[in-house]
Amino acid sequence: MKNLIIILSLALISPSYASAAVTSSPDHSIWNSILQRYVSSDGKVDYSGIKGDRRFSDYLRTLSGSHPDDSWSKAEKKAYWINTYNAFTVQLITQNLPLKSIKDLETPWDRKFISIEGNAYSLNDIENKILRPQFKDPRIHFAINCASFSCPIMQNKAFTSGNLESMLESATRDFINDPKRNNISTNKIEISNVFDWYKEDFTAKGSIVQFLNRYSRNTIAAGAAVSYMNYDWKLNN
């Protein structure tokens, strides 16, 4: 109670103190509208269309002016960082059109081009220093998009605290059962390199097969032969 009185008193003296002391999670409705308009149901992205939409720069500014704090719920934080990763990946592509692959850019994941409340981040910072260690949720790998064909698709809805769990579940299930990205049968599986690159995330509570069996339409035998598909880095447009 005493702290609240102090904050309210300081707010009367300086309104800017109140805005600095209390921040709320951003509204992702603009991003949702952009995704609905420019991303197909199978994840193909109209980068030129997004580049020409003024609302996109507005949303990026909203993300840059918001940083999760202790007043945010865990779901709000997770949704924010997923949307931030995806939106700034899109910005990286739109700023470098025409482009055949994100890998045509020099060190695309290590560039510290993302500014959030004065701090510089790279895509790798968000994925490997925030999303993975803080949330320890392997489903995150199916929510963030690397702008390439073999990646889990760009969802055409924004993540929010309200839809987070259902979207993570559906994104994971859809990716694992997508024959363009994984071939799964009882005794043999040919799966995405995502499961190899981030093996420690998927095996934290069991084997790769055990994780896949939670979502796969085909039940995989414990001793199934495992191999990995070639990764197609062609732009997902």
Protein backbone atom coordinates (compact mmCIF):
# COMPACT_ATOMS: atom_id res chain seq x y z
CA MET A 1 0.00 0.00 0.00
CA LYS A 2 2.82 2.37 0.92
CA ASN A 3 4.55 1.73 -2.45
CA LEU A 4 1.33 2.44 -4.33
CA ILE A 5 0.92 5.75 -2.49
CA ILE A 6 4.51 6.69 -3.35
CA ILE A 7 3.99 5.86 -7.05
CA LEU A 8 0.73 7.82 -7.20
CA SER A 9 2.37 10.77 -5.48
CA LEU A 10 5.28 10.75 -7.93
CA ALA A 11 2.83 10.45 -10.82
CA LEU A 12 1.15 13.68 -9.72
CA ILE A 13 4.52 15.42 -9.71
CA SER A 14 5.74 13.81 -12.95
CA PRO A 15 3.29 11.99 -15.26
CA SER A 16 6.24 10.44 -17.11
CA TYR A 17 7.17 8.56 -13.94
CA ALA A 18 3.86 6.73 -13.97
CA SER A 19 4.31 5.56 -17.55
CA ALA A 20 7.85 4.40 -16.79
CA ALA A 21 6.83 2.61 -13.60
CA VAL A 22 3.89 0.69 -15.04
CA THR A 23 3.92 -0.94 -18.48
CA SER A 24 1.33 -3.24 -19.97
CA SER A 25 1.74 -5.87 -22.65
CA PRO A 26 1.18 -4.50 -26.17
CA ASP A 27 -1.89 -5.00 -28.29
CA HIS A 28 -1.07 -7.50 -31.06
CA SER A 29 -4.24 -6.86 -33.06
CA ILE A 30 -2.41 -4.87 -35.76
CA TRP A 31 0.00 -7.77 -36.27
CA ASN A 32 -2.93 -10.18 -36.38
CA SER A 33 -4.61 -8.11 -39.10
CA ILE A 34 -1.39 -7.94 -41.12
CA LEU A 35 -0.86 -11.69 -40.88
CA GLN A 36 -4.46 -12.40 -41.88
CA ARG A 37 -4.06 -10.25 -44.98
CA TYR A 38 -0.56 -11.18 -46.16
CA VAL A 39 0.08 -14.74 -44.95
CA SER A 40 -1.74 -17.70 -46.49
CA SER A 41 -3.09 -20.62 -44.50
CA ASP A 42 -0.09 -22.71 -45.59
CA GLY A 43 2.39 -20.08 -44.45
CA LYS A 44 3.34 -18.30 -47.67
CA VAL A 45 4.22 -14.68 -46.95
CA ASP A 46 3.58 -11.68 -49.19
CA TYR A 47 6.63 -9.71 -48.11
CA SER A 48 6.11 -6.94 -50.65
CA GLY A 49 2.58 -6.43 -49.40
CA ILE A 50 3.72 -6.18 -45.79
CA LYS A 51 6.50 -3.78 -46.76
CA GLY A 52 3.95 -1.42 -48.30
CA ASP A 53 1.58 -1.53 -45.33
CA ARG A 54 2.16 1.42 -42.98
CA ARG A 55 0.68 -0.52 -40.09
CA PHE A 56 3.73 -2.81 -40.08
CA SER A 57 6.13 -0.04 -39.04
CA ASP A 58 3.58 1.06 -36.43
CA TYR A 59 3.57 -2.42 -34.94
CA LEU A 60 7.37 -2.62 -34.90
CA ARG A 61 7.46 0.66 -33.01
CA THR A 62 4.96 -0.76 -30.53
CA LEU A 63 7.22 -3.76 -29.94
CA SER A 64 10.31 -1.56 -29.64
CA GLY A 65 8.59 0.56 -27.01
CA SER A 66 7.52 -2.40 -24.89
CA HIS A 67 9.69 -4.71 -22.84
CA PRO A 68 8.22 -7.42 -20.63
CA ASP A 69 8.42 -6.74 -16.90
CA ASP A 70 7.25 -8.48 -13.76
CA SER A 71 3.71 -7.13 -14.16
CA TRP A 72 3.25 -9.28 -17.29
CA SER A 73 2.01 -12.85 -17.07
CA LYS A 74 4.22 -15.67 -18.35
CA ALA A 75 1.87 -16.13 -21.31
CA GLU A 76 2.05 -12.42 -22.19
CA LYS A 77 5.84 -12.55 -22.15
CA LYS A 78 6.02 -15.67 -24.27
CA ALA A 79 3.54 -14.33 -26.84
CA TYR A 80 5.41 -11.01 -26.98
CA TRP A 81 8.78 -12.61 -27.71
CA ILE A 82 7.35 -15.00 -30.33
CA ASN A 83 5.62 -12.13 -32.14
CA THR A 84 8.74 -9.98 -31.83
CA TYR A 85 10.92 -12.69 -33.35
CA ASN A 86 8.53 -13.21 -36.25
CA ALA A 87 7.82 -9.54 -36.94
CA PHE A 88 11.48 -8.54 -37.00
CA THR A 89 12.34 -11.53 -39.19
CA VAL A 90 9.77 -10.20 -41.64
CA GLN A 91 11.31 -6.73 -41.37
CA LEU A 92 14.75 -8.17 -42.15
CA ILE A 93 13.38 -9.74 -45.32
CA THR A 94 11.36 -6.69 -46.43
CA GLN A 95 14.40 -4.45 -46.03
CA ASN A 96 16.43 -6.66 -48.36
CA LEU A 97 14.00 -7.48 -51.16
CA PRO A 98 14.37 -8.92 -53.73
CA LEU A 99 15.75 -11.96 -51.95
CA LYS A 100 15.82 -15.68 -52.72
CA SER A 101 16.84 -16.88 -49.26
CA ILE A 102 17.47 -15.44 -45.83
CA LYS A 103 20.86 -17.17 -46.03
CA ASP A 104 21.82 -14.81 -48.85
CA LEU A 105 22.19 -12.20 -46.11
CA GLU A 106 25.37 -12.02 -44.06
CA THR A 107 24.87 -13.34 -40.50
CA PRO A 108 21.09 -12.72 -40.50
CA TRP A 109 20.52 -14.28 -37.07
CA ASP A 110 23.42 -12.52 -35.34
CA ARG A 111 22.69 -8.96 -36.48
CA LYS A 112 21.71 -6.78 -33.52
CA PHE A 113 19.14 -4.82 -35.51
CA ILE A 114 16.25 -5.13 -33.06
CA SER A 115 15.90 -2.22 -30.66
CA ILE A 116 13.67 -2.66 -27.61
CA GLU A 117 13.60 0.20 -25.12
CA GLY A 118 17.15 1.17 -26.07
CA ASN A 119 18.62 -2.34 -25.96
CA ALA A 120 19.89 -4.08 -29.09
CA TYR A 121 18.95 -7.70 -29.79
CA SER A 122 19.59 -10.20 -32.54
CA LEU A 123 17.20 -12.95 -33.57
CA ASN A 124 19.56 -15.42 -31.93
CA ASP A 125 19.41 -13.39 -28.72
CA ILE A 126 15.63 -13.68 -28.65
CA GLU A 127 15.58 -17.38 -29.46
CA ASN A 128 18.57 -18.67 -27.53
CA LYS A 129 18.91 -16.22 -24.64
CA ILE A 130 15.24 -15.53 -23.94
CA LEU A 131 12.70 -17.93 -25.44
CA ARG A 132 14.52 -21.23 -24.97
CA PRO A 133 16.13 -20.77 -21.54
CA GLN A 134 13.33 -18.78 -19.93
CA PHE A 135 10.34 -20.83 -21.06
CA LYS A 136 11.86 -24.28 -21.71
CA ASP A 137 9.04 -25.11 -24.11
CA PRO A 138 10.10 -27.06 -27.23
CA ARG A 139 6.88 -26.06 -28.98
CA ILE A 140 8.38 -22.59 -29.40
CA HIS A 141 10.38 -23.97 -32.33
CA PHE A 142 7.13 -24.41 -34.27
CA ALA A 143 5.93 -20.89 -33.47
CA ILE A 144 8.93 -18.86 -34.62
CA ASN A 145 9.63 -18.62 -38.33
CA CYS A 146 12.97 -18.39 -40.16
CA ALA A 147 11.48 -17.17 -43.47
CA SER A 148 12.32 -20.42 -45.25
CA PHE A 149 10.29 -23.20 -46.84
CA SER A 150 11.43 -25.97 -44.52
CA CYS A 151 10.81 -23.92 -41.38
CA PRO A 152 7.62 -24.38 -39.40
CA ILE A 153 5.19 -22.15 -41.26
CA MET A 154 4.48 -18.55 -40.40
CA GLN A 155 1.19 -18.62 -38.55
CA ASN A 156 -1.40 -16.25 -40.01
CA LYS A 157 -2.58 -15.19 -36.57
CA ALA A 158 -0.74 -13.28 -33.86
CA PHE A 159 0.09 -15.08 -30.64
CA THR A 160 -1.64 -13.66 -27.57
CA SER A 161 -1.85 -14.73 -23.95
CA GLY A 162 -5.36 -15.97 -24.67
CA ASN A 163 -4.61 -18.20 -27.67
CA LEU A 164 -1.00 -19.11 -26.82
CA GLU A 165 -1.54 -22.70 -25.67
CA SER A 166 -3.95 -23.65 -28.44
CA MET A 167 -1.71 -22.12 -31.13
CA LEU A 168 1.44 -23.78 -29.80
CA GLU A 169 -0.33 -27.13 -29.76
CA SER A 170 -1.77 -26.78 -33.26
CA ALA A 171 1.50 -25.43 -34.73
CA THR A 172 3.41 -28.38 -33.28
CA ARG A 173 0.86 -30.96 -34.44
CA ASP A 174 0.57 -29.46 -37.92
CA PHE A 175 4.33 -29.32 -38.43
CA ILE A 176 5.00 -32.86 -37.28
CA ASN A 177 2.25 -34.24 -39.51
CA ASP A 178 3.21 -32.16 -42.56
CA PRO A 179 4.59 -34.60 -45.17
CA LYS A 180 6.55 -31.78 -46.83
CA ARG A 181 8.60 -31.39 -43.67
CA ASN A 182 8.50 -34.82 -41.98
CA ASN A 183 7.92 -38.38 -43.22
CA ILE A 184 6.68 -40.52 -40.36
CA SER A 185 5.86 -44.23 -40.36
CA THR A 186 5.90 -46.88 -37.64
CA ASN A 187 9.44 -48.17 -38.14
CA LYS A 188 11.15 -45.35 -40.02
CA ILE A 189 11.06 -41.58 -39.68
CA GLU A 190 12.69 -38.91 -41.80
CA ILE A 191 12.30 -35.70 -39.87
CA SER A 192 13.21 -32.03 -39.97
CA ASN A 193 16.68 -30.87 -38.98
CA VAL A 194 14.93 -28.74 -36.35
CA PHE A 195 14.78 -31.91 -34.24
CA ASP A 196 18.53 -32.38 -34.65
CA TRP A 197 19.63 -28.78 -34.13
CA TYR A 198 17.60 -28.44 -30.93
CA LYS A 199 17.73 -32.06 -29.80
CA GLU A 200 18.33 -31.11 -26.16
CA ASP A 201 14.98 -29.28 -26.08
CA PHE A 202 13.04 -32.23 -27.47
CA THR A 203 14.75 -34.86 -25.33
CA ALA A 204 14.57 -33.02 -21.99
CA LYS A 205 11.69 -35.28 -20.92
CA GLY A 206 12.30 -38.35 -23.05
CA SER A 207 13.40 -39.33 -26.54
CA ILE A 208 12.70 -37.67 -29.86
CA VAL A 209 10.31 -40.51 -30.69
CA GLN A 210 8.42 -40.00 -27.43
CA PHE A 211 8.01 -36.30 -28.22
CA LEU A 212 6.84 -37.01 -31.77
CA ASN A 213 4.35 -39.61 -30.59
CA ARG A 214 2.52 -37.00 -28.55
CA TYR A 215 1.48 -35.33 -31.80
CA SER A 216 2.00 -37.76 -34.68
CA ARG A 217 -1.01 -39.35 -36.36
CA ASN A 218 1.14 -42.45 -36.94
CA THR A 219 2.46 -44.20 -33.84
CA ILE A 220 6.24 -44.57 -34.06
CA ALA A 221 7.98 -47.65 -32.67
CA ALA A 222 10.58 -47.01 -29.97
CA GLY A 223 13.35 -48.47 -32.14
CA ALA A 224 12.37 -46.72 -35.38
CA ALA A 225 15.20 -45.71 -37.71
CA VAL A 226 15.74 -41.93 -37.61
CA SER A 227 17.15 -39.77 -40.41
CA TYR A 228 16.88 -36.10 -41.30
CA MET A 229 15.50 -34.40 -44.39
CA ASN A 230 17.39 -31.89 -46.51
CA TYR A 231 16.56 -28.38 -45.36
CA ASP A 232 15.18 -26.04 -48.02
CA TRP A 233 16.23 -22.46 -47.28
CA LYS A 234 14.26 -20.99 -50.17
CA LEU A 235 12.23 -17.95 -49.13
CA ASN A 236 8.71 -18.80 -47.97
CA ASN A 237 6.96 -16.38 -50.31
